[in-house]
Amino acid sequence: MNKNEGNNRRTGSSRPSSNKPTRGGAERSGAKPAMAKRAQGPKKAKPTTEKAAEPVSDKPAKKPNQAPKRAKASDEMRLNKYISNSGVCSRRDADIYIQSGNVKVNGIPVTEMGYLVKITDVVNFDGVTLTPEKKEYILLNKPKNFTTAFDEGQEQRNVLELVRGATNAKIASVGRMDKNTTGLLLFTNDTDMIRKFSLPSQKSSKIYQVSLDKNLKFEDLEKISGGVTIDNHRIFIEEISYIEDQPKSEVGLKLKTSNVKVVRNIFEHFKYDVLRIDRVAFAGLTKKNLPRGNWRFLTEQEIINLKNA
């Protein structure tokens, strides 16, 4: 019988030995077994440097003729505004020409939106070198016997004769007027504004004084005030009334259209002949201190009001 067997008999223990791992040296020396380490999950793999560098390598290359993003200097403007200032088209149309590659700056084709140019840059638009102009806004109180059309023969004088000395810019009238229509007519080289007041969805009001060949019946005035449908097109009337202290053939009409032909059609629809039409207010502008046949430049505040009208 060996020594270990004697120990077992003295204690009488039949308990199996512990399952905890012990070091061989500890068993031999009689020291306490070392504490088992807590089980740990698998370590997460760290991203390699190759994956981190991957987005950099996949970055798209810079497009040719792409303008660098930077703050606009005081002597710079967007390319579409430069083109619009030259009077050839609106900013929206200029964007189409730019995208199609028909615009060059200093001999280099530019296709990027928001490209910045200086006044000293040479801009070529569809084969023509442009000269940007300062925006001009001129208000005329048009007299009779002048027309906005150019194709009515030499006997009809054009309204541009009345504002010829006002500016060297290439201005055009906002809307049309025949020789018998008088009143406020706006001229500008701002193609965006011309386009704005040509849209049927415009929101600004115009006031006309209309002279008829006979008195306007009250029932016809009531019908017109409710709106008129002409050629399947609904015309909304903001206000209509007789002119105070005038015969009932003199009528005031307020609506949004700047097309004088529409005003004439409204009364002709009710079998009245229109003798004269005088536009007395245009988008907040009036004839105050502006005699017939005279013109003036708009103030800065009036220009802001027009753009927000």
C-alpha atoms as a PDB file:
ATOM      1  CA  MET A   1       0.000   0.000   0.000  1.00  0.00           C
ATOM      2  CA  ASN A   2       1.390   3.327  -0.960  1.00  0.00           C
ATOM      3  CA  LYS A   3       1.087   6.625   0.818  1.00  0.00           C
ATOM      4  CA  ASN A   4      -1.778   7.943  -1.255  1.00  0.00           C
ATOM      5  CA  GLU A   5      -3.898   4.903  -0.651  1.00  0.00           C
ATOM      6  CA  GLY A   6      -3.431   5.374   3.105  1.00  0.00           C
ATOM      7  CA  ASN A   7      -4.680   8.895   2.903  1.00  0.00           C
ATOM      8  CA  ASN A   8      -7.785   7.802   1.056  1.00  0.00           C
ATOM      9  CA  ARG A   9      -8.603   5.227   3.676  1.00  0.00           C
ATOM     10  CA  ARG A  10      -8.242   7.743   6.532  1.00  0.00           C
ATOM     11  CA  THR A  11     -10.680  10.217   4.992  1.00  0.00           C
ATOM     12  CA  GLY A  12     -13.030   7.635   3.528  1.00  0.00           C
ATOM     13  CA  SER A  13     -13.746   9.954   0.640  1.00  0.00           C
ATOM     14  CA  SER A  14     -14.995   8.552  -2.647  1.00  0.00           C
ATOM     15  CA  ARG A  15     -15.543  12.049  -4.290  1.00  0.00           C
ATOM     16  CA  PRO A  16     -13.983  12.233  -7.692  1.00  0.00           C
ATOM     17  CA  SER A  17     -11.195  14.667  -8.260  1.00  0.00           C
ATOM     18  CA  SER A  18     -12.050  18.234  -9.349  1.00  0.00           C
ATOM     19  CA  ASN A  19     -12.581  18.919 -13.059  1.00  0.00           C
ATOM     20  CA  LYS A  20     -10.804  22.260 -12.789  1.00  0.00           C
ATOM     21  CA  PRO A  21      -7.563  22.320 -14.640  1.00  0.00           C
ATOM     22  CA  THR A  22      -4.502  22.296 -12.376  1.00  0.00           C
ATOM     23  CA  ARG A  23      -0.885  22.665 -13.126  1.00  0.00           C
ATOM     24  CA  GLY A  24       1.299  19.635 -12.761  1.00  0.00           C
ATOM     25  CA  GLY A  25       3.778  21.547 -10.604  1.00  0.00           C
ATOM     26  CA  ALA A  26       1.044  22.660  -8.220  1.00  0.00           C
ATOM     27  CA  GLU A  27      -0.073  19.081  -7.714  1.00  0.00           C
ATOM     28  CA  ARG A  28       3.386  18.009  -6.892  1.00  0.00           C
ATOM     29  CA  SER A  29       4.102  20.881  -4.475  1.00  0.00           C
ATOM     30  CA  GLY A  30       0.684  20.880  -2.784  1.00  0.00           C
ATOM     31  CA  ALA A  31       0.002  24.589  -3.731  1.00  0.00           C
ATOM     32  CA  LYS A  32      -3.504  25.874  -4.472  1.00  0.00           C
ATOM     33  CA  PRO A  33      -4.552  25.442  -8.075  1.00  0.00           C
ATOM     34  CA  ALA A  34      -4.542  28.605 -10.223  1.00  0.00           C
ATOM     35  CA  MET A  35      -7.911  30.262 -10.909  1.00  0.00           C
ATOM     36  CA  ALA A  36      -9.322  29.448 -14.304  1.00  0.00           C
ATOM     37  CA  LYS A  37      -9.507  32.401 -16.721  1.00  0.00           C
ATOM     38  CA  ARG A  38     -12.950  33.655 -17.700  1.00  0.00           C
ATOM     39  CA  ALA A  39     -13.999  32.419 -21.097  1.00  0.00           C
ATOM     40  CA  GLN A  40     -13.845  35.159 -23.741  1.00  0.00           C
ATOM     41  CA  GLY A  41     -15.615  35.372 -27.078  1.00  0.00           C
ATOM     42  CA  PRO A  42     -13.727  35.503 -30.310  1.00  0.00           C
ATOM     43  CA  LYS A  43     -11.943  38.798 -30.884  1.00  0.00           C
ATOM     44  CA  LYS A  44     -13.369  41.090 -33.542  1.00  0.00           C
ATOM     45  CA  ALA A  45     -11.222  41.385 -36.557  1.00  0.00           C
ATOM     46  CA  LYS A  46      -9.777  44.874 -37.026  1.00  0.00           C
ATOM     47  CA  PRO A  47     -10.393  46.495 -40.392  1.00  0.00           C
ATOM     48  CA  THR A  48      -7.408  46.251 -42.602  1.00  0.00           C
ATOM     49  CA  THR A  49      -5.753  49.272 -44.104  1.00  0.00           C
ATOM     50  CA  GLU A  50      -6.788  48.076 -47.566  1.00  0.00           C
ATOM     51  CA  LYS A  51     -10.522  48.474 -46.781  1.00  0.00           C
ATOM     52  CA  ALA A  52      -9.991  51.897 -45.255  1.00  0.00           C
ATOM     53  CA  ALA A  53      -8.236  53.073 -48.343  1.00  0.00           C
ATOM     54  CA  GLU A  54     -10.892  51.578 -50.632  1.00  0.00           C
ATOM     55  CA  PRO A  55     -13.322  54.597 -50.642  1.00  0.00           C
ATOM     56  CA  VAL A  56     -10.462  56.886 -51.611  1.00  0.00           C
ATOM     57  CA  SER A  57      -9.566  54.740 -54.571  1.00  0.00           C
ATOM     58  CA  ASP A  58     -13.225  54.563 -55.679  1.00  0.00           C
ATOM     59  CA  LYS A  59     -13.725  58.370 -55.641  1.00  0.00           C
ATOM     60  CA  PRO A  60     -15.046  59.486 -59.029  1.00  0.00           C
ATOM     61  CA  ALA A  61     -12.704  61.451 -61.161  1.00  0.00           C
ATOM     62  CA  LYS A  62     -13.348  65.168 -61.572  1.00  0.00           C
ATOM     63  CA  LYS A  63     -15.367  65.966 -64.665  1.00  0.00           C
ATOM     64  CA  PRO A  64     -13.710  68.083 -67.326  1.00  0.00           C
ATOM     65  CA  ASN A  65     -14.522  71.809 -67.199  1.00  0.00           C
ATOM     66  CA  GLN A  66     -16.016  71.405 -63.717  1.00  0.00           C
ATOM     67  CA  ALA A  67     -15.896  74.683 -61.805  1.00  0.00           C
ATOM     68  CA  PRO A  68     -14.213  74.517 -58.394  1.00  0.00           C
ATOM     69  CA  LYS A  69     -16.545  75.203 -55.491  1.00  0.00           C
ATOM     70  CA  ARG A  70     -15.539  78.522 -54.005  1.00  0.00           C
ATOM     71  CA  ALA A  71     -17.096  81.727 -52.751  1.00  0.00           C
ATOM     72  CA  LYS A  72     -18.256  84.181 -55.406  1.00  0.00           C
ATOM     73  CA  ALA A  73     -16.113  87.314 -55.609  1.00  0.00           C
ATOM     74  CA  SER A  74     -17.615  90.782 -55.950  1.00  0.00           C
ATOM     75  CA  ASP A  75     -16.549  91.051 -59.598  1.00  0.00           C
ATOM     76  CA  GLU A  76     -17.971  87.641 -60.584  1.00  0.00           C
ATOM     77  CA  MET A  77     -21.378  86.364 -61.645  1.00  0.00           C
ATOM     78  CA  ARG A  78     -22.905  83.079 -62.694  1.00  0.00           C
ATOM     79  CA  LEU A  79     -22.519  82.209 -66.343  1.00  0.00           C
ATOM     80  CA  ASN A  80     -26.276  81.929 -66.930  1.00  0.00           C
ATOM     81  CA  LYS A  81     -26.776  85.421 -65.474  1.00  0.00           C
ATOM     82  CA  TYR A  82     -24.004  86.788 -67.703  1.00  0.00           C
ATOM     83  CA  ILE A  83     -25.784  85.336 -70.737  1.00  0.00           C
ATOM     84  CA  SER A  84     -29.178  86.645 -69.587  1.00  0.00           C
ATOM     85  CA  ASN A  85     -27.716  90.130 -69.041  1.00  0.00           C
ATOM     86  CA  SER A  86     -26.588  90.153 -72.662  1.00  0.00           C
ATOM     87  CA  GLY A  87     -30.260  89.935 -73.698  1.00  0.00           C
ATOM     88  CA  VAL A  88     -30.079  86.787 -75.849  1.00  0.00           C
ATOM     89  CA  CYS A  89     -32.263  84.584 -73.628  1.00  0.00           C
ATOM     90  CA  SER A  90     -33.467  83.965 -70.090  1.00  0.00           C
ATOM     91  CA  ARG A  91     -31.391  82.289 -67.371  1.00  0.00           C
ATOM     92  CA  ARG A  92     -33.416  79.097 -67.723  1.00  0.00           C
ATOM     93  CA  ASP A  93     -32.760  78.901 -71.452  1.00  0.00           C
ATOM     94  CA  ALA A  94     -29.096  79.771 -70.846  1.00  0.00           C
ATOM     95  CA  ASP A  95     -28.766  76.687 -68.621  1.00  0.00           C
ATOM     96  CA  ILE A  96     -29.950  74.523 -71.524  1.00  0.00           C
ATOM     97  CA  TYR A  97     -27.355  76.024 -73.866  1.00  0.00           C
ATOM     98  CA  ILE A  98     -24.623  75.566 -71.244  1.00  0.00           C
ATOM     99  CA  GLN A  99     -25.467  71.900 -70.669  1.00  0.00           C
ATOM    100  CA  SER A 100     -25.496  71.234 -74.403  1.00  0.00           C
ATOM    101  CA  GLY A 101     -21.918  72.552 -74.724  1.00  0.00           C
ATOM    102  CA  ASN A 102     -22.760  75.623 -76.831  1.00  0.00           C
ATOM    103  CA  VAL A 103     -21.072  78.104 -74.472  1.00  0.00           C
ATOM    104  CA  LYS A 104     -17.335  78.811 -74.262  1.00  0.00           C
ATOM    105  CA  VAL A 105     -15.470  80.907 -71.706  1.00  0.00           C
ATOM    106  CA  ASN A 106     -12.097  82.194 -72.896  1.00  0.00           C
ATOM    107  CA  GLY A 107     -12.203  79.619 -75.679  1.00  0.00           C
ATOM    108  CA  ILE A 108     -12.929  76.614 -73.432  1.00  0.00           C
ATOM    109  CA  PRO A 109     -16.332  74.840 -73.552  1.00  0.00           C
ATOM    110  CA  VAL A 110     -18.119  74.995 -70.193  1.00  0.00           C
ATOM    111  CA  THR A 111     -20.976  72.657 -69.313  1.00  0.00           C
ATOM    112  CA  GLU A 112     -21.222  73.063 -65.545  1.00  0.00           C
ATOM    113  CA  MET A 113     -24.123  74.808 -63.838  1.00  0.00           C
ATOM    114  CA  GLY A 114     -23.054  77.640 -61.554  1.00  0.00           C
ATOM    115  CA  TYR A 115     -19.800  78.363 -63.394  1.00  0.00           C
ATOM    116  CA  LEU A 116     -18.475  81.774 -62.297  1.00  0.00           C
ATOM    117  CA  VAL A 117     -17.173  84.320 -64.780  1.00  0.00           C
ATOM    118  CA  LYS A 118     -15.781  87.834 -64.563  1.00  0.00           C
ATOM    119  CA  ILE A 119     -16.821  90.808 -66.624  1.00  0.00           C
ATOM    120  CA  THR A 120     -13.411  90.664 -68.311  1.00  0.00           C
ATOM    121  CA  ASP A 121     -13.916  87.052 -69.485  1.00  0.00           C
ATOM    122  CA  VAL A 122     -14.753  86.402 -73.135  1.00  0.00           C
ATOM    123  CA  VAL A 123     -18.008  84.448 -73.356  1.00  0.00           C
ATOM    124  CA  ASN A 124     -18.990  82.900 -76.668  1.00  0.00           C
ATOM    125  CA  PHE A 125     -22.643  81.899 -76.969  1.00  0.00           C
ATOM    126  CA  ASP A 126     -23.513  79.613 -79.879  1.00  0.00           C
ATOM    127  CA  GLY A 127     -20.769  81.164 -82.001  1.00  0.00           C
ATOM    128  CA  VAL A 128     -21.387  84.804 -80.982  1.00  0.00           C
ATOM    129  CA  THR A 129     -19.283  86.782 -78.487  1.00  0.00           C
ATOM    130  CA  LEU A 130     -21.546  88.356 -75.866  1.00  0.00           C
ATOM    131  CA  THR A 131     -21.460  91.788 -74.275  1.00  0.00           C
ATOM    132  CA  PRO A 132     -23.356  91.875 -70.968  1.00  0.00           C
ATOM    133  CA  GLU A 133     -25.528  94.910 -70.296  1.00  0.00           C
ATOM    134  CA  LYS A 134     -26.743  96.520 -67.144  1.00  0.00           C
ATOM    135  CA  LYS A 135     -30.429  95.847 -66.496  1.00  0.00           C
ATOM    136  CA  GLU A 136     -32.596  98.843 -67.447  1.00  0.00           C
ATOM    137  CA  TYR A 137     -36.264  99.409 -66.537  1.00  0.00           C
ATOM    138  CA  ILE A 138     -38.174 102.263 -68.185  1.00  0.00           C
ATOM    139  CA  LEU A 139     -41.831 103.185 -67.725  1.00  0.00           C
ATOM    140  CA  LEU A 140     -43.642 105.012 -70.553  1.00  0.00           C
ATOM    141  CA  ASN A 141     -47.056 106.666 -70.576  1.00  0.00           C
ATOM    142  CA  LYS A 142     -47.835 105.711 -74.171  1.00  0.00           C
ATOM    143  CA  PRO A 143     -49.818 108.114 -76.379  1.00  0.00           C
ATOM    144  CA  LYS A 144     -52.033 107.161 -79.332  1.00  0.00           C
ATOM    145  CA  ASN A 145     -50.775 106.332 -82.834  1.00  0.00           C
ATOM    146  CA  PHE A 146     -47.738 104.368 -81.636  1.00  0.00           C
ATOM    147  CA  THR A 147     -47.551 100.580 -81.740  1.00  0.00           C
ATOM    148  CA  THR A 148     -45.314  97.853 -80.332  1.00  0.00           C
ATOM    149  CA  ALA A 149     -45.420  95.916 -83.624  1.00  0.00           C
ATOM    150  CA  PHE A 150     -42.786  96.197 -86.348  1.00  0.00           C
ATOM    151  CA  ASP A 151     -44.824  94.839 -89.252  1.00  0.00           C
ATOM    152  CA  GLU A 152     -47.644  97.338 -89.616  1.00  0.00           C
ATOM    153  CA  GLY A 153     -46.020  99.487 -92.290  1.00  0.00           C
ATOM    154  CA  GLN A 154     -44.209 102.804 -92.281  1.00  0.00           C
ATOM    155  CA  GLU A 155     -47.355 104.765 -91.429  1.00  0.00           C
ATOM    156  CA  GLN A 156     -47.365 103.286 -87.914  1.00  0.00           C
ATOM    157  CA  ARG A 157     -44.690 104.664 -85.616  1.00  0.00           C
ATOM    158  CA  ASN A 158     -43.037 102.308 -83.136  1.00  0.00           C
ATOM    159  CA  VAL A 159     -43.029 102.998 -79.402  1.00  0.00           C
ATOM    160  CA  LEU A 160     -39.238 102.630 -79.271  1.00  0.00           C
ATOM    161  CA  GLU A 161     -39.036 106.080 -80.863  1.00  0.00           C
ATOM    162  CA  LEU A 162     -40.409 107.517 -77.629  1.00  0.00           C
ATOM    163  CA  VAL A 163     -37.630 106.014 -75.459  1.00  0.00           C
ATOM    164  CA  ARG A 164     -34.795 106.135 -77.976  1.00  0.00           C
ATOM    165  CA  GLY A 165     -32.634 108.518 -75.950  1.00  0.00           C
ATOM    166  CA  ALA A 166     -33.157 106.737 -72.631  1.00  0.00           C
ATOM    167  CA  THR A 167     -30.482 104.035 -72.962  1.00  0.00           C
ATOM    168  CA  ASN A 168     -28.156 102.252 -75.338  1.00  0.00           C
ATOM    169  CA  ALA A 169     -29.289  98.852 -74.027  1.00  0.00           C
ATOM    170  CA  LYS A 170     -31.351  96.552 -76.247  1.00  0.00           C
ATOM    171  CA  ILE A 171     -34.701  97.040 -74.531  1.00  0.00           C
ATOM    172  CA  ALA A 172     -38.079  95.599 -75.496  1.00  0.00           C
ATOM    173  CA  SER A 173     -41.626  96.260 -74.363  1.00  0.00           C
ATOM    174  CA  VAL A 174     -43.319  94.050 -71.793  1.00  0.00           C
ATOM    175  CA  GLY A 175     -46.444  93.000 -73.622  1.00  0.00           C
ATOM    176  CA  ARG A 176     -48.015  94.510 -76.740  1.00  0.00           C
ATOM    177  CA  MET A 177     -50.131  97.587 -77.461  1.00  0.00           C
ATOM    178  CA  ASP A 178     -51.890  98.671 -80.620  1.00  0.00           C
ATOM    179  CA  LYS A 179     -51.986 102.262 -81.845  1.00  0.00           C
ATOM    180  CA  ASN A 180     -55.288 103.093 -80.120  1.00  0.00           C
ATOM    181  CA  THR A 181     -54.275 101.773 -76.689  1.00  0.00           C
ATOM    182  CA  THR A 182     -52.652 104.245 -74.305  1.00  0.00           C
ATOM    183  CA  GLY A 183     -51.191 104.169 -70.836  1.00  0.00           C
ATOM    184  CA  LEU A 184     -48.416 102.432 -68.970  1.00  0.00           C
ATOM    185  CA  LEU A 185     -45.927 100.388 -70.970  1.00  0.00           C
ATOM    186  CA  LEU A 186     -42.777  98.927 -69.428  1.00  0.00           C
ATOM    187  CA  PHE A 187     -39.492  98.532 -71.327  1.00  0.00           C
ATOM    188  CA  THR A 188     -36.517  96.463 -70.197  1.00  0.00           C
ATOM    189  CA  ASN A 189     -33.614  94.305 -71.337  1.00  0.00           C
ATOM    190  CA  ASP A 190     -34.361  91.890 -68.485  1.00  0.00           C
ATOM    191  CA  THR A 191     -35.561  88.850 -70.439  1.00  0.00           C
ATOM    192  CA  ASP A 192     -36.592  87.062 -67.235  1.00  0.00           C
ATOM    193  CA  MET A 193     -39.007  89.863 -66.388  1.00  0.00           C
ATOM    194  CA  ILE A 194     -40.405  89.994 -69.928  1.00  0.00           C
ATOM    195  CA  ARG A 195     -41.056  86.267 -69.752  1.00  0.00           C
ATOM    196  CA  LYS A 196     -42.587  86.543 -66.279  1.00  0.00           C
ATOM    197  CA  PHE A 197     -45.263  89.036 -67.332  1.00  0.00           C
ATOM    198  CA  SER A 198     -46.010  86.998 -70.455  1.00  0.00           C
ATOM    199  CA  LEU A 199     -47.074  83.926 -68.474  1.00  0.00           C
ATOM    200  CA  PRO A 200     -50.807  83.327 -67.929  1.00  0.00           C
ATOM    201  CA  SER A 201     -50.063  82.373 -64.292  1.00  0.00           C
ATOM    202  CA  GLN A 202     -48.762  85.826 -63.337  1.00  0.00           C
ATOM    203  CA  LYS A 203     -50.164  87.226 -60.085  1.00  0.00           C
ATOM    204  CA  SER A 204     -49.848  91.005 -60.462  1.00  0.00           C
ATOM    205  CA  SER A 205     -52.885  93.155 -61.200  1.00  0.00           C
ATOM    206  CA  LYS A 206     -53.422  95.679 -64.013  1.00  0.00           C
ATOM    207  CA  ILE A 207     -56.131  98.340 -64.171  1.00  0.00           C
ATOM    208  CA  TYR A 208     -57.659  99.553 -67.440  1.00  0.00           C
ATOM    209  CA  GLN A 209     -60.058 102.371 -68.231  1.00  0.00           C
ATOM    210  CA  VAL A 210     -62.210 101.293 -71.175  1.00  0.00           C
ATOM    211  CA  SER A 211     -64.281 103.602 -73.376  1.00  0.00           C
ATOM    212  CA  LEU A 212     -67.240 101.886 -75.089  1.00  0.00           C
ATOM    213  CA  ASP A 213     -69.458 102.943 -77.999  1.00  0.00           C
ATOM    214  CA  LYS A 214     -72.532 102.845 -75.713  1.00  0.00           C
ATOM    215  CA  ASN A 215     -73.425 102.611 -72.049  1.00  0.00           C
ATOM    216  CA  LEU A 216     -72.599  99.319 -70.388  1.00  0.00           C
ATOM    217  CA  LYS A 217     -75.766  97.676 -69.122  1.00  0.00           C
ATOM    218  CA  PHE A 218     -75.762  96.858 -65.431  1.00  0.00           C
ATOM    219  CA  GLU A 219     -76.687  93.215 -66.089  1.00  0.00           C
ATOM    220  CA  ASP A 220     -73.699  92.924 -68.446  1.00  0.00           C
ATOM    221  CA  LEU A 221     -71.451  94.477 -65.799  1.00  0.00           C
ATOM    222  CA  GLU A 222     -72.684  91.835 -63.339  1.00  0.00           C
ATOM    223  CA  LYS A 223     -72.014  89.034 -65.812  1.00  0.00           C
ATOM    224  CA  ILE A 224     -68.488  90.280 -66.510  1.00  0.00           C
ATOM    225  CA  SER A 225     -67.735  90.567 -62.777  1.00  0.00           C
ATOM    226  CA  GLY A 226     -68.427  86.845 -62.420  1.00  0.00           C
ATOM    227  CA  GLY A 227     -65.847  85.944 -65.063  1.00  0.00           C
ATOM    228  CA  VAL A 228     -66.013  85.400 -68.798  1.00  0.00           C
ATOM    229  CA  THR A 229     -65.300  82.314 -70.922  1.00  0.00           C
ATOM    230  CA  ILE A 230     -63.929  83.122 -74.384  1.00  0.00           C
ATOM    231  CA  ASP A 231     -62.752  80.392 -76.772  1.00  0.00           C
ATOM    232  CA  ASN A 232     -62.914  77.839 -73.926  1.00  0.00           C
ATOM    233  CA  HIS A 233     -60.596  79.990 -71.837  1.00  0.00           C
ATOM    234  CA  ARG A 234     -61.845  81.305 -68.492  1.00  0.00           C
ATOM    235  CA  ILE A 235     -60.968  84.918 -67.704  1.00  0.00           C
ATOM    236  CA  PHE A 236     -61.222  85.916 -64.040  1.00  0.00           C
ATOM    237  CA  ILE A 237     -62.147  89.506 -63.265  1.00  0.00           C
ATOM    238  CA  GLU A 238     -60.909  91.019 -60.016  1.00  0.00           C
ATOM    239  CA  GLU A 239     -63.070  94.134 -60.218  1.00  0.00           C
ATOM    240  CA  ILE A 240     -65.249  96.065 -62.669  1.00  0.00           C
ATOM    241  CA  SER A 241     -67.122  99.347 -62.101  1.00  0.00           C
ATOM    242  CA  TYR A 242     -68.375 102.497 -63.772  1.00  0.00           C
ATOM    243  CA  ILE A 243     -65.988 105.454 -63.666  1.00  0.00           C
ATOM    244  CA  GLU A 244     -67.198 108.023 -61.141  1.00  0.00           C
ATOM    245  CA  ASP A 245     -68.634 111.240 -62.622  1.00  0.00           C
ATOM    246  CA  GLN A 246     -68.356 109.766 -66.136  1.00  0.00           C
ATOM    247  CA  PRO A 247     -70.924 108.332 -68.560  1.00  0.00           C
ATOM    248  CA  LYS A 248     -71.693 104.651 -68.102  1.00  0.00           C
ATOM    249  CA  SER A 249     -69.754 103.988 -71.272  1.00  0.00           C
ATOM    250  CA  GLU A 250     -66.575 104.629 -69.230  1.00  0.00           C
ATOM    251  CA  VAL A 251     -65.652 101.477 -67.307  1.00  0.00           C
ATOM    252  CA  GLY A 252     -62.803 100.531 -64.982  1.00  0.00           C
ATOM    253  CA  LEU A 253     -61.537  96.943 -65.205  1.00  0.00           C
ATOM    254  CA  LYS A 254     -59.021  95.203 -62.920  1.00  0.00           C
ATOM    255  CA  LEU A 255     -57.510  91.826 -63.845  1.00  0.00           C
ATOM    256  CA  LYS A 256     -54.158  90.079 -63.999  1.00  0.00           C
ATOM    257  CA  THR A 257     -53.532  89.865 -67.732  1.00  0.00           C
ATOM    258  CA  SER A 258     -51.171  92.282 -69.446  1.00  0.00           C
ATOM    259  CA  ASN A 259     -52.597  91.333 -72.829  1.00  0.00           C
ATOM    260  CA  VAL A 260     -54.673  94.289 -73.968  1.00  0.00           C
ATOM    261  CA  LYS A 261     -56.348  92.125 -76.605  1.00  0.00           C
ATOM    262  CA  VAL A 262     -58.039  90.131 -73.837  1.00  0.00           C
ATOM    263  CA  VAL A 263     -59.567  93.339 -72.445  1.00  0.00           C
ATOM    264  CA  ARG A 264     -61.006  94.181 -75.862  1.00  0.00           C
ATOM    265  CA  ASN A 265     -62.371  90.646 -76.315  1.00  0.00           C
ATOM    266  CA  ILE A 266     -64.260  90.771 -73.015  1.00  0.00           C
ATOM    267  CA  PHE A 267     -66.488  93.649 -74.120  1.00  0.00           C
ATOM    268  CA  GLU A 268     -66.793  92.515 -77.712  1.00  0.00           C
ATOM    269  CA  HIS A 269     -68.118  89.232 -76.343  1.00  0.00           C
ATOM    270  CA  PHE A 270     -71.095  91.243 -75.022  1.00  0.00           C
ATOM    271  CA  LYS A 271     -71.566  93.144 -78.328  1.00  0.00           C
ATOM    272  CA  TYR A 272     -69.826  96.383 -77.349  1.00  0.00           C
ATOM    273  CA  ASP A 273     -67.310  98.163 -79.551  1.00  0.00           C
ATOM    274  CA  VAL A 274     -64.205  99.313 -77.691  1.00  0.00           C
ATOM    275  CA  LEU A 275     -63.184 102.850 -78.664  1.00  0.00           C
ATOM    276  CA  ARG A 276     -60.196 103.317 -76.333  1.00  0.00           C
ATOM    277  CA  ILE A 277     -58.238 101.413 -73.699  1.00  0.00           C
ATOM    278  CA  ASP A 278     -55.985 103.216 -71.223  1.00  0.00           C
ATOM    279  CA  ARG A 279     -53.807 101.208 -68.823  1.00  0.00           C
ATOM    280  CA  VAL A 280     -53.723 103.281 -65.644  1.00  0.00           C
ATOM    281  CA  ALA A 281     -51.886 100.812 -63.359  1.00  0.00           C
ATOM    282  CA  PHE A 282     -49.375  98.024 -64.027  1.00  0.00           C
ATOM    283  CA  ALA A 283     -48.260  95.713 -61.194  1.00  0.00           C
ATOM    284  CA  GLY A 284     -48.335  98.533 -58.639  1.00  0.00           C
ATOM    285  CA  LEU A 285     -46.927 101.203 -61.003  1.00  0.00           C
ATOM    286  CA  THR A 286     -49.147 104.212 -61.738  1.00  0.00           C
ATOM    287  CA  LYS A 287     -49.176 107.243 -64.054  1.00  0.00           C
ATOM    288  CA  LYS A 288     -48.592 109.667 -61.191  1.00  0.00           C
ATOM    289  CA  ASN A 289     -46.325 112.543 -62.301  1.00  0.00           C
ATOM    290  CA  LEU A 290     -45.870 110.919 -65.707  1.00  0.00           C
ATOM    291  CA  PRO A 291     -47.625 112.919 -68.454  1.00  0.00           C
ATOM    292  CA  ARG A 292     -48.724 111.284 -71.693  1.00  0.00           C
ATOM    293  CA  GLY A 293     -45.773 110.628 -73.996  1.00  0.00           C
ATOM    294  CA  ASN A 294     -43.181 110.883 -71.193  1.00  0.00           C
ATOM    295  CA  TRP A 295     -41.022 108.169 -69.641  1.00  0.00           C
ATOM    296  CA  ARG A 296     -38.922 107.635 -66.510  1.00  0.00           C
ATOM    297  CA  PHE A 297     -36.569 105.053 -65.010  1.00  0.00           C
ATOM    298  CA  LEU A 298     -37.932 102.865 -62.249  1.00  0.00           C
ATOM    299  CA  THR A 299     -36.580 103.285 -58.739  1.00  0.00           C
ATOM    300  CA  GLU A 300     -34.682 100.471 -57.023  1.00  0.00           C
ATOM    301  CA  GLN A 301     -37.672  99.769 -54.795  1.00  0.00           C
ATOM    302  CA  GLU A 302     -40.030  99.601 -57.776  1.00  0.00           C
ATOM    303  CA  ILE A 303     -37.721  97.091 -59.458  1.00  0.00           C
ATOM    304  CA  ILE A 304     -37.708  94.929 -56.321  1.00  0.00           C
ATOM    305  CA  ASN A 305     -41.506  95.120 -56.134  1.00  0.00           C
ATOM    306  CA  LEU A 306     -41.838  94.063 -59.770  1.00  0.00           C
ATOM    307  CA  LYS A 307     -39.579  91.057 -59.277  1.00  0.00           C
ATOM    308  CA  ASN A 308     -41.661  89.985 -56.280  1.00  0.00           C
ATOM    309  CA  ALA A 309     -45.020  90.733 -57.933  1.00  0.00           C
END
